[in-house]
Protein backbone atom coordinates (compact mmCIF):
# COMPACT_ATOMS: atom_id res chain seq x y z
CA MET A 1 73.22 116.70 79.41
CA ASN A 2 70.22 115.10 77.73
CA LEU A 3 69.22 111.67 79.02
CA GLU A 4 66.12 111.27 76.91
CA PRO A 5 65.90 107.59 75.92
CA ARG A 6 67.44 106.70 72.58
CA LEU A 7 65.55 103.51 71.88
CA HIS A 8 65.73 102.00 68.43
CA SER A 9 62.58 100.47 66.98
CA ASP A 10 64.63 98.04 64.91
CA ALA A 11 66.37 96.56 67.98
CA THR A 12 65.80 92.85 68.54
CA PRO A 13 65.49 92.49 72.31
CA GLY A 14 66.53 89.37 74.17
CA PRO A 15 63.63 88.27 76.47
CA GLY A 16 62.30 91.81 76.50
CA PHE A 17 65.52 93.74 77.24
CA VAL A 18 65.55 97.01 75.33
CA PHE A 19 68.63 98.89 76.46
CA ASP A 20 69.33 102.60 76.49
CA ASN A 21 72.79 102.85 78.02
CA SER A 22 73.30 106.44 79.10
CA TYR A 23 76.17 105.64 81.50
CA ALA A 24 78.21 103.99 78.76
CA ARG A 25 77.23 106.70 76.28
CA GLU A 26 77.78 109.80 78.41
CA LEU A 27 80.56 108.79 80.82
CA GLU A 28 83.37 107.28 78.81
CA GLY A 29 86.41 107.12 81.06
CA PHE A 30 84.34 106.29 84.13
CA TYR A 31 84.42 102.55 83.53
CA VAL A 32 86.22 99.69 81.85
CA PRO A 33 84.33 97.71 79.18
CA TRP A 34 84.44 94.07 80.28
CA GLN A 35 82.89 90.69 79.63
CA PRO A 36 81.38 88.35 82.25
CA SER A 37 83.04 85.01 82.87
CA PRO A 38 81.16 81.97 81.57
CA ALA A 39 79.23 79.75 83.98
CA PRO A 40 79.83 76.06 83.28
CA ALA A 41 76.31 74.82 84.11
CA PRO A 42 73.87 77.68 84.73
CA ARG A 43 70.59 76.82 86.42
CA LEU A 44 67.82 79.27 87.25
CA VAL A 45 67.20 79.23 91.01
CA ARG A 46 64.76 82.13 91.35
CA LEU A 47 63.17 84.64 88.98
CA ASN A 48 61.41 87.73 90.29
CA HIS A 49 58.30 87.65 88.12
CA ALA A 50 56.82 90.80 89.67
CA LEU A 51 59.98 92.81 89.01
CA ALA A 52 60.25 91.41 85.49
CA GLY A 53 56.74 92.76 84.91
CA GLU A 54 57.72 96.20 86.21
CA LEU A 55 60.63 96.24 83.79
CA GLY A 56 58.47 95.19 80.86
CA LEU A 57 60.41 91.95 80.42
CA ASP A 58 59.16 88.63 79.14
CA ALA A 59 59.36 86.51 82.31
CA ALA A 60 58.64 83.30 80.42
CA GLY A 61 61.48 84.08 78.03
CA LEU A 62 63.87 84.57 80.93
CA THR A 63 63.24 81.00 82.10
CA THR A 64 64.29 79.51 78.77
CA PRO A 65 67.88 78.34 78.17
CA GLU A 66 68.45 81.56 76.19
CA GLY A 67 67.17 83.68 79.06
CA VAL A 68 69.15 81.79 81.72
CA ALA A 69 72.29 82.18 79.60
CA MET A 70 71.78 85.95 79.70
CA LEU A 71 71.12 85.99 83.44
CA SER A 72 74.28 83.98 84.09
CA GLY A 73 76.56 86.04 81.85
CA ASN A 74 77.04 83.26 79.31
CA ALA A 75 75.34 85.36 76.64
CA LEU A 76 74.63 89.05 76.34
CA PRO A 77 71.19 90.44 75.56
CA PRO A 78 71.25 92.45 72.32
CA GLY A 79 72.13 96.05 73.12
CA ALA A 80 73.95 95.28 76.39
CA GLN A 81 77.27 97.06 76.93
CA PRO A 82 78.85 95.34 79.95
CA LEU A 83 81.20 97.51 81.95
CA ALA A 84 82.89 97.63 85.35
CA GLN A 85 82.35 100.97 87.05
CA ALA A 86 85.22 102.82 88.72
CA TYR A 87 84.83 104.20 92.23
CA ALA A 88 86.76 104.75 95.45
CA GLY A 89 85.46 104.79 99.00
CA HIS A 90 86.00 105.35 102.69
CA GLN A 91 85.83 101.92 104.29
CA PHE A 92 85.44 102.01 108.08
CA GLY A 93 86.75 105.56 107.94
CA GLY A 94 89.89 104.84 105.91
CA TYR A 95 90.17 105.99 102.31
CA SER A 96 90.69 103.39 99.58
CA PRO A 97 91.58 105.24 96.37
CA GLN A 98 90.49 102.48 93.97
CA LEU A 99 87.73 99.96 94.58
CA GLY A 100 85.37 99.68 91.62
CA ASP A 101 83.22 96.77 90.48
CA GLY A 102 85.37 93.83 91.50
CA ARG A 103 82.70 91.22 90.84
CA ALA A 104 79.89 93.14 89.19
CA LEU A 105 79.15 94.32 85.69
CA LEU A 106 76.60 96.87 84.56
CA LEU A 107 74.92 95.35 81.50
CA GLY A 108 73.01 98.50 80.67
CA GLU A 109 69.82 100.40 81.41
CA VAL A 110 66.19 99.86 80.55
CA ILE A 111 63.20 102.17 80.81
CA ASP A 112 60.55 100.46 82.92
CA ARG A 113 56.77 100.58 82.48
CA GLN A 114 56.57 103.77 84.56
CA GLY A 115 59.20 105.54 82.47
CA ARG A 116 61.94 105.14 85.09
CA ARG A 117 65.50 104.43 84.05
CA ARG A 118 66.77 101.27 85.78
CA ASP A 119 70.23 99.68 85.78
CA ILE A 120 70.54 95.97 85.03
CA ALA A 121 73.73 94.53 86.52
CA LEU A 122 75.28 91.15 87.18
CA LYS A 123 76.91 90.43 90.54
CA GLY A 124 79.25 87.48 90.89
CA SER A 125 80.04 87.30 87.19
CA GLY A 126 83.81 86.95 87.52
CA ARG A 127 86.99 88.95 87.82
CA THR A 128 87.29 92.50 86.51
CA PRO A 129 90.21 94.97 86.42
CA PHE A 130 89.03 96.10 89.88
CA SER A 131 88.99 92.66 91.53
CA ARG A 132 92.38 93.03 93.19
CA ASN A 133 92.95 89.63 94.86
CA GLY A 134 89.34 88.48 94.64
CA ASP A 135 87.90 85.88 92.31
CA GLY A 136 84.96 88.07 91.27
CA LYS A 137 82.52 85.28 92.04
CA ALA A 138 79.64 85.05 94.51
CA ALA A 139 78.35 82.20 96.62
CA LEU A 140 74.73 81.10 96.52
CA GLY A 141 74.00 81.93 100.17
CA PRO A 142 74.89 85.65 100.05
CA VAL A 143 73.14 85.99 96.68
CA LEU A 144 69.92 84.52 98.08
CA ARG A 145 70.28 86.77 101.14
CA GLU A 146 70.45 89.85 98.92
CA TYR A 147 67.38 88.70 97.00
CA LEU A 148 65.43 88.04 100.19
CA ILE A 149 66.35 91.17 102.13
CA GLY A 150 65.93 93.42 99.09
CA GLU A 151 62.41 92.12 98.48
CA ALA A 152 61.58 92.47 102.18
CA MET A 153 62.77 96.08 102.19
CA HIS A 154 60.74 96.78 99.07
CA ALA A 155 57.62 95.37 100.72
CA LEU A 156 58.32 97.54 103.78
CA GLY A 157 58.32 100.61 101.53
CA ILE A 158 62.05 101.31 101.89
CA PRO A 159 63.96 102.41 98.75
CA THR A 160 66.22 99.56 97.70
CA THR A 161 68.00 97.82 94.89
CA ARG A 162 66.23 94.61 93.96
CA ALA A 163 67.10 91.23 92.54
CA LEU A 164 65.67 90.14 89.23
CA ALA A 165 67.14 86.66 89.28
CA VAL A 166 69.46 84.18 90.96
CA VAL A 167 71.30 81.69 88.77
CA ALA A 168 73.47 78.90 90.13
CA THR A 169 76.64 78.68 88.06
CA GLY A 170 77.44 74.99 88.56
CA GLU A 171 80.89 76.06 89.74
CA PRO A 172 82.08 76.05 93.37
CA VAL A 173 83.67 79.12 94.91
CA ARG A 174 86.26 78.87 97.65
CA ARG A 175 85.73 80.83 100.83
CA GLU A 176 86.47 79.13 104.16
CA THR A 177 85.06 76.04 102.44
CA LEU A 178 83.86 75.26 98.93
CA LEU A 179 80.41 76.75 98.33
CA PRO A 180 78.06 76.62 95.35
CA GLY A 181 78.52 79.64 93.10
CA ALA A 182 75.78 81.93 91.84
CA VAL A 183 75.13 85.12 89.90
CA LEU A 184 72.65 87.78 90.97
CA THR A 185 70.95 90.09 88.49
CA ARG A 186 70.52 93.37 90.36
CA VAL A 187 68.21 96.23 89.42
CA ALA A 188 68.85 99.77 90.66
CA ALA A 189 67.84 103.35 89.97
CA SER A 190 71.56 103.69 89.33
CA HIS A 191 74.81 102.39 90.77
CA VAL A 192 76.42 105.82 91.19
CA ARG A 193 77.80 106.09 94.70
CA VAL A 194 79.46 108.68 96.90
CA GLY A 195 82.61 106.68 96.14
CA THR A 196 82.15 107.36 92.42
CA PHE A 197 82.54 111.07 93.09
CA GLU A 198 85.48 110.42 95.44
CA PHE A 199 87.36 108.50 92.76
CA PHE A 200 87.27 111.34 90.23
CA ALA A 201 87.68 114.13 92.76
CA ALA A 202 90.92 112.46 93.92
CA GLN A 203 92.20 112.62 90.35
CA GLN A 204 91.62 116.39 90.41
CA ASP A 205 90.14 116.20 86.94
CA MET A 206 87.46 118.88 87.19
CA ALA A 207 86.15 118.26 83.70
CA LEU A 208 85.39 114.63 84.50
CA LEU A 209 83.96 115.50 87.90
CA ARG A 210 81.66 118.11 86.41
CA ARG A 211 80.54 115.68 83.74
CA LEU A 212 79.67 113.17 86.46
CA ALA A 213 77.73 115.79 88.42
CA ASP A 214 75.86 116.89 85.30
CA TYR A 215 75.01 113.28 84.49
CA VAL A 216 73.72 112.54 88.00
CA ILE A 217 71.64 115.72 88.09
CA ALA A 218 70.09 114.95 84.70
CA ARG A 219 69.34 111.38 85.80
CA HIS A 220 68.17 111.82 89.40
CA ASP A 221 67.31 115.51 89.81
CA PRO A 222 66.39 116.83 86.37
CA GLY A 223 64.63 119.82 87.91
CA LEU A 224 68.06 121.13 88.90
CA VAL A 225 69.60 121.08 85.41
CA ASN A 226 69.26 124.84 84.91
CA HIS A 227 69.66 125.83 88.55
CA PRO A 228 72.46 128.41 89.02
CA GLN A 229 73.77 126.44 92.03
CA ARG A 230 72.94 122.97 90.77
CA GLU A 231 75.85 121.16 92.45
CA LEU A 232 74.98 122.66 95.83
CA GLU A 233 71.34 121.76 95.29
CA LEU A 234 72.40 118.24 94.33
CA LEU A 235 74.10 117.95 97.72
CA ARG A 236 70.93 119.17 99.39
CA ALA A 237 68.82 116.63 97.47
CA VAL A 238 71.13 113.72 98.28
CA CYS A 239 71.17 114.74 101.96
CA GLU A 240 67.37 114.74 101.97
CA ARG A 241 67.17 111.31 100.36
CA GLN A 242 69.63 109.84 102.82
CA ALA A 243 67.91 111.45 105.81
CA SER A 244 64.66 109.82 104.74
CA LEU A 245 66.30 106.48 103.95
CA VAL A 246 68.15 106.11 107.25
CA ALA A 247 65.05 107.15 109.21
CA ARG A 248 63.19 104.34 107.45
CA TRP A 249 65.96 101.88 108.31
CA MET A 250 65.78 102.92 111.92
CA GLY A 251 62.00 102.60 111.89
CA VAL A 252 62.23 98.85 111.25
CA GLY A 253 65.42 98.18 113.22
CA PHE A 254 67.54 97.54 110.12
CA ILE A 255 71.33 97.57 110.52
CA HIS A 256 73.16 97.93 107.22
CA GLY A 257 76.41 96.73 108.74
CA VAL A 258 78.86 98.27 106.26
CA MET A 259 77.98 101.92 105.60
CA ASN A 260 81.11 102.71 103.65
CA THR A 261 80.90 105.57 101.16
CA ASP A 262 81.04 103.09 98.27
CA ASN A 263 77.82 101.63 99.69
CA MET A 264 75.91 104.94 99.74
CA THR A 265 74.00 105.61 96.54
CA ILE A 266 73.29 109.05 95.16
CA SER A 267 69.78 107.85 94.30
CA GLY A 268 68.92 107.16 97.95
CA GLU A 269 68.44 103.41 97.53
CA THR A 270 69.72 100.80 99.97
CA ILE A 271 72.51 98.84 98.30
CA ASP A 272 74.79 95.90 99.13
CA TYR A 273 73.12 93.55 101.60
CA GLY A 274 76.23 91.93 103.01
CA PRO A 275 76.51 91.83 106.81
CA CYS A 276 73.08 93.36 107.34
CA ALA A 277 70.67 92.29 110.08
CA PHE A 278 67.53 93.33 111.93
CA THR A 279 67.63 94.08 115.62
CA GLU A 280 65.42 92.04 117.91
CA ALA A 281 65.64 93.12 121.57
CA TYR A 282 66.03 96.86 121.04
CA ASP A 283 69.59 98.08 121.54
CA PRO A 284 71.05 101.20 119.86
CA GLN A 285 74.50 99.62 120.14
CA ALA A 286 73.47 96.43 118.34
CA VAL A 287 76.13 95.16 115.93
CA PHE A 288 76.02 91.83 114.11
CA SER A 289 78.64 92.32 111.39
CA SER A 290 81.73 90.20 111.92
CA ILE A 291 83.94 92.91 110.43
CA ASP A 292 82.55 95.84 112.47
CA THR A 293 84.73 95.09 115.46
CA HIS A 294 84.45 98.57 117.00
CA GLY A 295 80.75 99.14 116.40
CA ARG A 296 81.22 101.99 113.94
CA TYR A 297 78.06 100.99 112.08
CA ALA A 298 75.92 100.05 115.09
CA LEU A 299 72.18 100.62 114.83
CA GLY A 300 72.16 103.93 116.69
CA ASN A 301 75.23 105.26 114.87
CA GLN A 302 73.68 105.09 111.41
CA PRO A 303 72.32 108.68 111.23
CA ALA A 304 75.69 110.16 112.25
CA ILE A 305 77.55 107.90 109.82
CA ALA A 306 75.23 108.99 107.03
CA GLN A 307 76.12 112.61 107.77
CA TRP A 308 79.84 111.71 107.84
CA ASN A 309 79.53 110.03 104.44
CA LEU A 310 77.67 113.04 103.07
CA ALA A 311 80.50 115.27 104.24
CA ARG A 312 82.84 113.20 102.06
CA PHE A 313 80.42 113.72 99.16
CA ALA A 314 80.34 117.46 99.85
CA GLU A 315 84.14 117.61 99.71
CA THR A 316 84.09 116.25 96.17
CA LEU A 317 81.79 119.07 95.03
CA LEU A 318 83.77 121.99 96.47
CA SER A 319 85.80 122.64 93.33
CA LEU A 320 82.61 122.78 91.24
CA LEU A 321 81.04 125.60 93.23
CA ASP A 322 81.34 129.21 92.18
CA GLY A 323 83.31 131.68 94.24
CA PRO A 324 86.40 131.42 96.43
CA PRO A 325 87.15 128.14 98.27
CA GLU A 326 86.20 129.63 101.63
CA ALA A 327 82.73 130.48 100.36
CA ALA A 328 82.29 126.98 98.91
CA VAL A 329 83.18 125.42 102.26
CA GLU A 330 80.68 127.67 104.02
CA GLN A 331 77.95 126.72 101.55
CA VAL A 332 78.34 122.96 101.86
CA THR A 333 78.81 123.21 105.62
CA ALA A 334 75.50 125.02 105.90
CA VAL A 335 73.79 122.18 103.99
CA LEU A 336 75.49 119.46 106.04
CA GLU A 337 74.64 121.14 109.33
CA LYS A 338 70.96 120.86 108.47
CA PHE A 339 71.17 117.09 108.07
CA PRO A 340 70.38 116.28 111.74
CA THR A 341 67.33 118.54 111.57
CA ARG A 342 66.13 116.92 108.36
CA TYR A 343 66.76 113.45 109.77
CA GLU A 344 64.87 114.34 112.93
CA ALA A 345 61.93 115.56 110.86
CA HIS A 346 61.75 112.23 109.00
CA TRP A 347 62.28 110.29 112.22
CA THR A 348 59.57 112.24 114.02
CA ALA A 349 57.10 111.62 111.20
CA MET A 350 58.03 107.94 111.28
CA MET A 351 57.59 107.66 115.04
CA ARG A 352 54.30 109.53 115.00
CA ALA A 353 52.96 107.00 112.53
CA LYS A 354 54.31 104.08 114.56
CA LEU A 355 52.68 105.46 117.73
CA GLY A 356 49.41 106.31 116.00
CA LEU A 357 49.77 110.05 116.55
CA ASP A 358 48.49 112.90 114.40
CA GLU A 359 50.44 116.11 113.71
CA LEU A 360 48.47 118.38 116.04
CA ALA A 361 50.97 118.45 118.91
CA ASP A 362 54.44 119.92 119.31
CA PRO A 363 56.89 117.66 117.40
CA ALA A 364 59.37 117.93 120.28
CA ASP A 365 56.79 116.55 122.70
CA ASP A 366 55.99 113.65 120.39
CA LEU A 367 59.69 112.94 119.89
CA ALA A 368 60.15 112.87 123.67
CA LEU A 369 57.26 110.43 123.98
CA ALA A 370 58.81 108.19 121.33
CA SER A 371 62.26 108.41 122.92
CA ASP A 372 60.87 107.42 126.30
CA TYR A 373 59.20 104.39 124.75
CA LEU A 374 62.43 103.33 123.08
CA ARG A 375 64.17 103.71 126.42
CA LEU A 376 61.64 101.36 127.98
CA LEU A 377 62.14 98.83 125.19
CA HIS A 378 65.90 99.01 125.69
CA GLU A 379 65.84 98.75 129.49
CA HIS A 380 63.56 95.72 129.45
CA LYS A 381 65.08 94.06 126.36
CA VAL A 382 61.79 94.14 124.48
CA ASP A 383 61.64 93.05 120.85
CA PHE A 384 61.64 96.19 118.69
CA THR A 385 59.20 94.97 116.04
CA LEU A 386 56.66 93.44 118.40
CA GLY A 387 57.06 96.28 120.89
CA PHE A 388 55.54 98.65 118.34
CA ARG A 389 53.13 96.20 116.75
CA ARG A 390 51.52 95.44 120.13
CA LEU A 391 50.65 99.12 120.50
CA ALA A 392 47.84 98.48 118.01
CA PRO A 393 45.56 96.54 120.39
CA ALA A 394 46.65 98.85 123.22
CA ALA A 395 45.28 101.77 121.20
CA ALA A 396 41.95 99.96 121.23
CA ASP A 397 42.11 99.59 125.04
CA ASP A 398 43.61 96.11 125.16
CA ASP A 399 47.16 96.40 126.45
CA SER A 400 47.43 92.78 127.63
CA PRO A 401 49.45 91.63 124.57
CA LEU A 402 51.91 94.48 125.14
CA ARG A 403 52.20 93.85 128.87
CA LYS A 404 52.77 90.16 128.25
CA LEU A 405 55.54 91.04 125.79
CA VAL A 406 57.24 93.41 128.23
CA GLY A 407 57.01 90.83 131.01
CA SER A 408 58.58 91.86 134.31
CA GLY A 409 58.85 95.46 133.12
CA ALA A 410 55.12 95.82 132.54
CA GLU A 411 54.62 97.97 135.63
CA ALA A 412 57.21 100.46 134.37
CA LEU A 413 55.13 100.73 131.21
CA THR A 414 52.05 102.06 133.02
CA PRO A 415 53.03 105.76 133.31
CA TRP A 416 54.11 105.86 129.68
CA LEU A 417 50.85 104.28 128.52
CA ALA A 418 48.92 106.95 130.42
CA ARG A 419 50.86 109.74 128.64
CA TRP A 420 50.44 108.03 125.28
CA ARG A 421 46.70 107.56 125.67
CA GLU A 422 46.27 111.16 126.74
CA ARG A 423 48.08 112.19 123.57
CA LEU A 424 45.89 109.87 121.47
CA CYS A 425 42.82 111.70 122.73
CA SER A 426 43.77 114.68 120.56
CA SER A 427 43.01 112.59 117.47
CA PRO A 428 39.42 112.27 116.21
CA LEU A 429 40.05 108.69 115.00
CA PRO A 430 37.90 106.02 116.64
CA PRO A 431 39.81 103.18 118.37
CA VAL A 432 39.26 100.66 115.54
CA ALA A 433 40.63 103.07 112.92
CA ARG A 434 43.52 104.04 115.20
CA ARG A 435 44.45 100.39 115.64
CA ALA A 436 44.40 99.85 111.88
CA ALA A 437 46.61 102.92 111.34
CA ILE A 438 49.19 101.62 113.82
CA GLU A 439 49.19 98.22 112.13
CA ARG A 440 49.80 99.89 108.75
CA ALA A 441 52.85 101.65 110.19
CA ASN A 442 54.35 98.70 112.08
CA PRO A 443 55.19 95.42 110.35
CA ILE A 444 54.51 92.15 112.09
CA TYR A 445 56.96 90.27 109.85
CA ILE A 446 60.55 91.27 109.21
CA PRO A 447 63.44 89.10 107.99
CA ARG A 448 64.16 87.60 111.41
CA ASN A 449 67.82 86.68 111.42
CA HIS A 450 67.30 83.07 112.48
CA CYS A 451 64.57 82.58 109.85
CA VAL A 452 66.87 83.94 107.16
CA GLU A 453 69.70 81.65 108.22
CA GLN A 454 67.42 78.60 108.30
CA ALA A 455 66.17 79.35 104.79
CA LEU A 456 69.68 79.88 103.42
CA THR A 457 71.05 76.74 105.08
CA ALA A 458 68.28 74.63 103.55
CA ALA A 459 68.92 76.11 100.11
CA VAL A 460 72.72 75.89 100.16
CA GLU A 461 73.34 72.68 102.09
CA HIS A 462 70.30 70.63 101.09
CA ASP A 463 69.26 72.16 97.76
CA ASP A 464 65.87 72.76 99.35
CA LEU A 465 64.37 76.08 98.32
CA ALA A 466 61.01 75.51 100.02
CA PRO A 467 61.91 77.35 103.29
CA PHE A 468 63.27 80.27 101.25
CA GLU A 469 60.07 80.46 99.19
CA ARG A 470 57.89 80.25 102.29
CA LEU A 471 59.80 83.04 104.05
CA LEU A 472 59.77 85.20 100.93
CA THR A 473 55.99 84.79 100.66
CA VAL A 474 55.58 85.88 104.30
CA LEU A 475 57.81 88.93 103.86
CA GLU A 476 55.97 90.12 100.77
CA ARG A 477 53.02 91.09 103.03
CA PRO A 478 54.75 92.35 106.18
CA TYR A 479 51.83 94.31 107.66
CA ASP A 480 49.06 91.69 107.46
CA GLU A 481 49.09 89.45 110.52
CA ARG A 482 48.19 85.82 109.73
CA ALA A 483 47.74 83.03 112.25
CA SER A 484 49.28 80.58 109.78
CA ASP A 485 52.53 82.59 109.80
CA ALA A 486 52.81 83.17 113.55
CA GLU A 487 56.19 81.43 113.77
CA PHE A 488 57.76 84.09 111.54
CA ALA A 489 56.78 86.87 113.95
CA GLN A 490 58.61 85.35 116.90
CA PRO A 491 62.11 86.55 117.83
CA ALA A 492 64.95 84.12 118.17
CA PRO A 493 65.96 83.05 121.68
CA ALA A 494 68.09 85.73 123.35
CA GLU A 495 71.08 83.40 123.59
CA GLN A 496 70.96 82.79 119.83
CA THR A 497 70.79 86.51 119.05
CA ALA A 498 73.68 87.22 121.42
CA CYS A 499 76.08 85.13 119.33
CA TYR A 500 74.63 85.88 115.91
CA ARG A 501 77.14 87.19 113.37
CA THR A 502 76.77 88.22 109.74
CA PHE A 503 79.43 88.26 107.04
CA CYS A 504 80.10 90.40 104.00
CA GLY A 505 79.78 87.48 101.59
CA THR A 506 82.69 88.45 99.33
């Protein structure tokens, strides 16, 4: 399958959009062509100028009435082919045979300034054939949350979908109360999910399933196109991307909150920021999602859930592998069984960086050192983000900020600090350089849950976007500590965190 761009020089782009829609072109039968619902009074709330630049778009043009009409779904950019993608998914462990884009539409794909193919999609643009009993709309609060968290994750160096724009529709949506409606323009490496493969595997249409696999390989792993075991190697590549992604989540205390298979991308990007949150006082069992009543997607469960989701992906590929079924099962099982080892490798590298360690020692010893530190953070209810950030001055022989943070548990920290400093001695880095390295690996600013809620409340209830803009500016430089932004580094009071709940936003 050839995914070389088919751009037409005579195309007349709308505010810079030049589409090359390989999904629509190559995967007929995998979607339903559909039109977005009109917004009665669209108003641009936020445009991501930096992302528009990456995509080669005319940011100024997107702020015009013509551009806002396109971002709201009231008009289509020339060359767009809006469609609702079909997919299934395991949701909290139970299989749903048909989900699909119930409130999203893929407008098409553009080739960005670095030659990368990127999806442009609307979210909250109205009902589709997959909406079931939903209205297909989105409220302003969840849309702004997705914009904010996506940009924070991007600044943290974590693969993620991103928001190009937020447009208020001028139409209320009914949830528990009436809320202002909005449309998000989402950008992704692709929107193909594990659930996409599940949908077509369940139909037992091997021709369609193979076409999907060929498309995904050509798009995300073109080096595998001529591999004799390309589907097996695709599984291996997706496992590697997810092992790296989840390790990065864990490294900043991010809890996705709804790791269903329809929310796991083949590209390895974080997608769907619904009931997500960041842990404060470190707790592997932390859950904030209102719908995760049994803690399936708790912080510490995320690596195992990723492997479980990948097993569902592997099942969809079995019929595409050569040889008898028993051999195919053995092959995918061998790949899946390596996932914990690959995750541990990414996690160990992450923790070494966070602790300021080089790679000269036994990885198992360094992992034990990291695990013991996490145990201390957990036992003494220490803030995860600050617990690692305060190692930076400690590496330069000033552990008073860390001891103050740990409080009554500071004495228990002493033996661990001695082990850690002995390990640091194996590195030739001088203390000042070591401190800088630890600061580069440990953010001082994350999207603190209470800060996010304050910003969203101001925007939704008071039409005041200033707190949102201020928080976004802070999160765009998460590693550079600034006295003027000290309030954004502070955790919420423990009693506030204890009752904090997030919602899916549908």
